[in-house]
Amino acid sequence: MLRKLLRALKSPAFPRWTPLYRDPFIWEGVYSHYRDVKGSGPGFSGDHWINAIERQTSQAWEALRSEHARIPASIPSYHAFFALVVALLHQRHQRHQRLRVLDFGGGMGASYVNMRRCVGQDLNLDYWVVDNERSCQAAAKLAAADTSVHFSATVPSDLGKIDLLLLSGVLQFVEDYPRLLEMLASYKPEFLMFGFLPSGEDIPTFASAQRNVPGSTIPVWFFNLSEVCGLMKKLGYSLVFKAPYDRRFNMDNFPATHRLHYQCNLLFKRDEP
C-alpha cells in the first residue's frame, strides 16, 4: 500500500504544490550588494519578456470582457489582495471623489486588469501605471477603451493626491531602492503596498542573480523584513498588514540562512502627523 502511495505522489498528475515537487532554480549565488552581480542580456527590456507580458495582459483583458459576474480564475494572490485594498478604499471614498492609484513599475497594467476582474462594482478611479516607454505604448493600445487607466514613462509632476501607491514585483530590481522609496514617499500616498516582495524575517538583506529570462542574468535584492519596515518608518509609514504569496519557490541551492521559499505582500499606512 505504501509503495502504491509513493508511486502516486511521483505521478505527473500529482499537484505541483506538493513538497515532493521541485521547481527549477530561479536564483543563483549570494552577494553582499546588487552591483556585485554581473548582469547580462536585455532582461526585462528584451523581446522575450515584453512579448510574454503583452500576451498575458491581453489575455487578462479578454477575461475581463468575457467573465462578467463570474468569479475570476487564475488571479495571482498578490493581485487579489491588491483588489481587496482598492475595493475597501473605494467604499470609504465619497461617490464623487475619484480614487487615485499610482502603480509604479506596473508593466502593461496587469495589476489593474486583474483588480477590475475581482472588484464587483463600478469604480471611480484615476489609475496611473509608470513603466518604460515600450511597455507603456503597448499597454495604451490594449487599454484604449478604458478611460480610467493611464500609462506614463515618468511619474506625472501634477499627479496630485495619491491614495494608494503600488510596487508589485519591482523594488527588488532597483539598485538604490532607498532613494526610490524616498522619492515616491514625497508624494505622500496614504497607503503604500508591496506585492510579490522577496522579504522575510529570517534572512539578511543580500543580492543574487536571477536567471528566469532566457539569455539574461538580472541582479535582484532579497530583503530582511525588519530593515524594510525600519526604512519605511523613517519615511513616515507603519506596517499594517503582511501575508505570504502562496507560491513556494525552490531555494535549496542557497545556504539555509538565505533561503526564502515564500515572497510576501506588505501594506503600509502613512503615519498621522
Protein backbone atom coordinates (compact mmCIF):
# COMPACT_ATOMS: atom_id res chain seq x y z
CA MET A 1 0.00 0.00 0.00
CA LEU A 2 2.81 2.40 0.91
CA ARG A 3 4.60 1.70 -2.37
CA LYS A 4 1.41 2.48 -4.34
CA LEU A 5 1.03 5.76 -2.48
CA LEU A 6 4.64 6.77 -3.17
CA ARG A 7 4.21 5.95 -6.86
CA ALA A 8 1.09 8.12 -6.94
CA LEU A 9 2.97 11.03 -5.38
CA LYS A 10 5.58 10.85 -8.13
CA SER A 11 2.94 10.87 -10.86
CA PRO A 12 2.78 13.93 -13.17
CA ALA A 13 -0.88 14.21 -12.21
CA PHE A 14 0.04 14.95 -8.60
CA PRO A 15 -0.38 18.67 -7.75
CA ARG A 16 2.68 20.88 -8.28
CA TRP A 17 2.42 22.34 -4.80
CA THR A 18 3.34 19.08 -3.09
CA PRO A 19 6.57 19.32 -1.03
CA LEU A 20 8.00 16.47 -3.13
CA TYR A 21 7.87 18.63 -6.26
CA ARG A 22 10.93 20.74 -7.02
CA ASP A 23 10.76 23.72 -9.36
CA PRO A 24 13.89 24.69 -11.30
CA PHE A 25 16.19 27.12 -9.51
CA ILE A 26 15.45 30.75 -10.44
CA TRP A 27 18.27 32.41 -8.47
CA GLU A 28 21.96 31.60 -8.13
CA GLY A 29 24.61 32.92 -5.79
CA VAL A 30 24.72 35.08 -2.67
CA TYR A 31 26.23 38.57 -3.00
CA SER A 32 26.61 41.36 -0.48
CA HIS A 33 25.43 44.04 -2.93
CA TYR A 34 23.37 44.40 -6.09
CA ARG A 35 26.34 45.82 -8.01
CA ASP A 36 28.37 42.68 -7.29
CA VAL A 37 26.09 40.64 -9.56
CA LYS A 38 27.29 40.57 -13.18
CA GLY A 39 24.13 41.30 -15.10
CA SER A 40 23.89 40.42 -18.80
CA GLY A 41 21.40 40.33 -21.65
CA PRO A 42 18.35 42.53 -22.31
CA GLY A 43 16.50 41.37 -19.19
CA PHE A 44 13.03 42.87 -18.84
CA SER A 45 13.58 45.16 -21.84
CA GLY A 46 14.08 42.33 -24.33
CA ASP A 47 11.60 40.96 -26.84
CA HIS A 48 11.11 37.69 -24.98
CA TRP A 49 9.90 39.35 -21.79
CA ILE A 50 7.97 42.19 -23.45
CA ASN A 51 6.11 39.79 -25.74
CA ALA A 52 5.26 37.47 -22.85
CA ILE A 53 3.89 40.32 -20.72
CA GLU A 54 1.88 41.70 -23.64
CA ARG A 55 0.37 38.28 -24.28
CA GLN A 56 -0.51 37.75 -20.60
CA THR A 57 -2.02 41.23 -20.23
CA SER A 58 -4.02 40.81 -23.42
CA GLN A 59 -5.42 37.54 -22.05
CA ALA A 60 -6.39 39.31 -18.82
CA TRP A 61 -8.26 41.99 -20.79
CA GLU A 62 -10.10 39.30 -22.74
CA ALA A 63 -11.03 37.57 -19.48
CA LEU A 64 -12.34 40.86 -18.06
CA ARG A 65 -14.61 41.29 -21.08
CA SER A 66 -15.91 37.70 -21.02
CA GLU A 67 -16.25 36.85 -17.34
CA HIS A 68 -18.94 39.39 -16.42
CA ALA A 69 -20.27 38.39 -12.97
CA ARG A 70 -18.30 35.16 -12.76
CA ILE A 71 -15.62 34.57 -10.13
CA PRO A 72 -12.33 35.18 -11.97
CA ALA A 73 -9.99 32.24 -12.45
CA SER A 74 -6.18 32.25 -12.28
CA ILE A 75 -5.74 35.54 -10.40
CA PRO A 76 -2.36 35.74 -8.59
CA SER A 77 -2.89 36.14 -4.85
CA TYR A 78 -0.97 39.42 -4.77
CA HIS A 79 -3.33 40.85 -7.41
CA ALA A 80 -6.34 39.62 -5.42
CA PHE A 81 -5.00 41.25 -2.25
CA PHE A 82 -4.44 44.49 -4.15
CA ALA A 83 -8.00 44.31 -5.49
CA LEU A 84 -9.35 43.94 -1.95
CA VAL A 85 -7.46 47.04 -0.79
CA VAL A 86 -8.78 49.03 -3.76
CA ALA A 87 -12.34 47.86 -3.10
CA LEU A 88 -12.20 48.88 0.56
CA LEU A 89 -10.62 52.26 -0.14
CA HIS A 90 -13.17 52.90 -2.86
CA GLN A 91 -16.01 52.23 -0.43
CA ARG A 92 -14.51 54.68 2.04
CA HIS A 93 -14.38 57.46 -0.55
CA GLN A 94 -17.42 59.57 -1.30
CA ARG A 95 -19.01 58.71 -4.62
CA HIS A 96 -18.00 61.97 -6.30
CA GLN A 97 -14.33 61.52 -5.36
CA ARG A 98 -12.00 59.55 -7.59
CA LEU A 99 -9.63 57.09 -6.00
CA ARG A 100 -6.16 57.77 -7.35
CA VAL A 101 -3.72 54.85 -7.62
CA LEU A 102 -0.10 55.00 -8.76
CA ASP A 103 1.23 51.63 -9.96
CA PHE A 104 4.99 52.19 -10.19
CA GLY A 105 6.76 49.63 -12.38
CA GLY A 106 3.36 48.23 -13.32
CA GLY A 107 4.38 46.88 -16.74
CA MET A 108 1.38 46.83 -19.07
CA GLY A 109 -1.20 47.14 -16.33
CA ALA A 110 -1.86 43.50 -15.40
CA SER A 111 -2.46 44.53 -11.77
CA TYR A 112 -5.13 46.96 -12.92
CA VAL A 113 -6.91 44.48 -15.20
CA ASN A 114 -6.90 41.68 -12.63
CA MET A 115 -8.09 44.12 -9.98
CA ARG A 116 -11.01 45.07 -12.22
CA ARG A 117 -11.81 41.37 -12.67
CA CYS A 118 -12.05 40.93 -8.88
CA VAL A 119 -13.95 44.05 -7.83
CA GLY A 120 -17.66 43.57 -8.34
CA GLN A 121 -18.65 47.22 -8.66
CA ASP A 122 -18.22 50.27 -10.85
CA LEU A 123 -15.05 52.06 -9.87
CA ASN A 124 -14.44 55.80 -9.87
CA LEU A 125 -10.71 55.50 -10.47
CA ASP A 126 -7.79 57.56 -11.69
CA TYR A 127 -5.18 54.85 -12.19
CA TRP A 128 -1.64 55.61 -13.37
CA VAL A 129 0.88 52.99 -14.49
CA VAL A 130 4.52 54.08 -14.70
CA ASP A 131 6.95 51.90 -16.65
CA ASN A 132 9.33 52.04 -19.60
CA GLU A 133 8.22 53.65 -22.86
CA ARG A 134 7.96 50.40 -24.79
CA SER A 135 5.64 48.83 -22.22
CA CYS A 136 3.52 51.98 -21.98
CA GLN A 137 2.97 52.16 -25.74
CA ALA A 138 1.84 48.54 -25.95
CA ALA A 139 -0.32 48.88 -22.83
CA ALA A 140 -2.08 52.00 -24.09
CA LYS A 141 -3.28 50.06 -27.15
CA LEU A 142 -4.59 47.19 -25.03
CA ALA A 143 -6.46 49.60 -22.74
CA ALA A 144 -7.59 52.07 -25.40
CA ALA A 145 -11.29 51.75 -24.48
CA ASP A 146 -10.76 52.31 -20.74
CA THR A 147 -10.57 55.97 -19.67
CA SER A 148 -9.72 55.20 -16.03
CA VAL A 149 -6.19 53.90 -16.66
CA HIS A 150 -3.24 55.90 -17.99
CA PHE A 151 0.34 54.98 -18.85
CA SER A 152 3.46 57.10 -18.50
CA ALA A 153 7.23 56.60 -18.65
CA THR A 154 7.64 59.05 -15.73
CA VAL A 155 5.62 59.99 -12.66
CA PRO A 156 3.48 62.99 -13.73
CA SER A 157 4.56 66.12 -11.87
CA ASP A 158 0.95 67.31 -11.46
CA LEU A 159 -0.48 64.00 -10.29
CA GLY A 160 -1.87 65.46 -7.08
CA LYS A 161 -3.01 63.42 -4.07
CA ILE A 162 -2.26 59.67 -4.28
CA ASP A 163 -4.47 57.38 -2.23
CA LEU A 164 -2.60 54.15 -2.90
CA LEU A 165 0.89 53.52 -4.25
CA LEU A 166 1.62 50.03 -5.56
CA LEU A 167 5.04 48.47 -6.15
CA SER A 168 4.44 44.93 -7.33
CA GLY A 169 7.50 42.81 -8.11
CA VAL A 170 9.65 45.86 -8.77
CA LEU A 171 11.57 47.06 -5.67
CA GLN A 172 13.94 44.08 -5.76
CA PHE A 173 15.24 45.16 -9.19
CA VAL A 174 16.23 48.69 -8.16
CA GLU A 175 19.85 49.06 -7.02
CA ASP A 176 19.27 52.23 -4.97
CA TYR A 177 15.88 51.23 -3.60
CA PRO A 178 16.06 53.56 -0.53
CA ARG A 179 16.35 56.56 -2.86
CA LEU A 180 13.43 55.34 -4.97
CA LEU A 181 11.24 54.91 -1.89
CA GLU A 182 12.22 58.35 -0.62
CA MET A 183 11.19 59.87 -3.94
CA LEU A 184 7.86 58.03 -4.05
CA ALA A 185 7.11 58.78 -0.39
CA SER A 186 7.49 62.50 -1.16
CA TYR A 187 4.12 62.25 -2.96
CA LYS A 188 2.65 61.31 0.44
CA PRO A 189 0.37 58.45 -0.60
CA GLU A 190 -1.97 57.42 2.20
CA PHE A 191 -1.18 53.74 1.66
CA LEU A 192 1.85 52.06 0.13
CA MET A 193 1.65 48.42 -0.91
CA PHE A 194 4.42 46.00 -1.88
CA GLY A 195 3.27 42.95 -3.81
CA PHE A 196 5.39 39.91 -4.58
CA LEU A 197 8.31 41.19 -2.49
CA PRO A 198 11.21 38.84 -1.64
CA SER A 199 11.39 39.72 2.04
CA GLY A 200 11.42 37.68 5.23
CA GLU A 201 12.20 37.83 8.94
CA ASP A 202 14.90 35.15 8.96
CA ILE A 203 17.20 36.24 6.13
CA PRO A 204 19.70 39.09 5.85
CA THR A 205 19.43 41.59 3.03
CA PHE A 206 21.53 40.25 0.12
CA ALA A 207 21.69 40.17 -3.67
CA SER A 208 21.54 37.30 -6.13
CA ALA A 209 21.42 36.55 -9.86
CA GLN A 210 18.01 35.88 -11.40
CA ARG A 211 18.02 33.62 -14.46
CA ASN A 212 14.40 33.04 -15.44
CA VAL A 213 14.55 35.33 -18.51
CA PRO A 214 16.24 33.46 -21.41
CA GLY A 215 19.58 34.96 -22.39
CA SER A 216 19.75 37.26 -19.36
CA THR A 217 21.20 37.42 -15.87
CA ILE A 218 19.41 40.01 -13.74
CA PRO A 219 20.64 41.35 -10.39
CA VAL A 220 17.98 41.12 -7.66
CA TRP A 221 17.69 42.06 -3.99
CA PHE A 222 16.34 39.89 -1.17
CA PHE A 223 15.29 41.94 1.86
CA ASN A 224 15.30 41.47 5.59
CA LEU A 225 11.76 42.42 6.67
CA SER A 226 12.88 44.42 9.72
CA GLU A 227 15.15 46.53 7.51
CA VAL A 228 12.27 47.24 5.11
CA CYS A 229 9.98 48.23 7.98
CA GLY A 230 12.71 50.40 9.51
CA LEU A 231 13.28 52.20 6.22
CA MET A 232 9.54 52.77 5.77
CA LYS A 233 9.25 54.06 9.35
CA LYS A 234 11.87 56.71 8.63
CA LEU A 235 9.78 57.75 5.63
CA GLY A 236 6.69 58.07 7.83
CA TYR A 237 4.93 54.74 7.22
CA SER A 238 3.92 51.88 9.51
CA LEU A 239 3.22 48.27 8.56
CA VAL A 240 -0.49 47.41 8.90
CA PHE A 241 -0.67 44.08 7.03
CA LYS A 242 1.65 41.26 5.96
CA ALA A 243 0.94 37.96 4.23
CA PRO A 244 2.86 35.40 2.17
CA TYR A 245 2.45 34.86 -1.54
CA ASP A 246 1.09 31.33 -1.83
CA ARG A 247 3.61 30.00 -4.36
CA ARG A 248 6.62 28.18 -2.93
CA PHE A 249 9.98 28.86 -4.58
CA ASN A 250 12.81 26.36 -4.55
CA MET A 251 15.89 27.93 -2.96
CA ASP A 252 17.55 24.72 -1.83
CA ASN A 253 20.67 25.79 -3.76
CA PHE A 254 21.18 28.56 -1.16
CA PRO A 255 22.65 28.35 2.34
CA ALA A 256 19.93 27.71 4.94
CA THR A 257 20.46 31.23 6.30
CA HIS A 258 19.50 32.77 2.94
CA ARG A 259 16.56 30.62 1.84
CA LEU A 260 13.29 32.46 1.29
CA HIS A 261 10.77 29.98 -0.07
CA TYR A 262 7.84 32.43 0.05
CA GLN A 263 7.62 36.01 -1.21
CA CYS A 264 5.29 38.37 0.64
CA ASN A 265 2.69 41.13 0.35
CA LEU A 266 3.01 44.17 2.64
CA LEU A 267 0.72 47.14 3.25
CA PHE A 268 1.94 50.34 4.91
CA LYS A 269 -0.10 53.33 6.07
CA ARG A 270 1.17 56.87 6.34
CA ASP A 271 1.61 57.92 9.95
CA GLU A 272 -0.55 60.72 11.25
CA PRO A 273 1.40 64.00 11.54
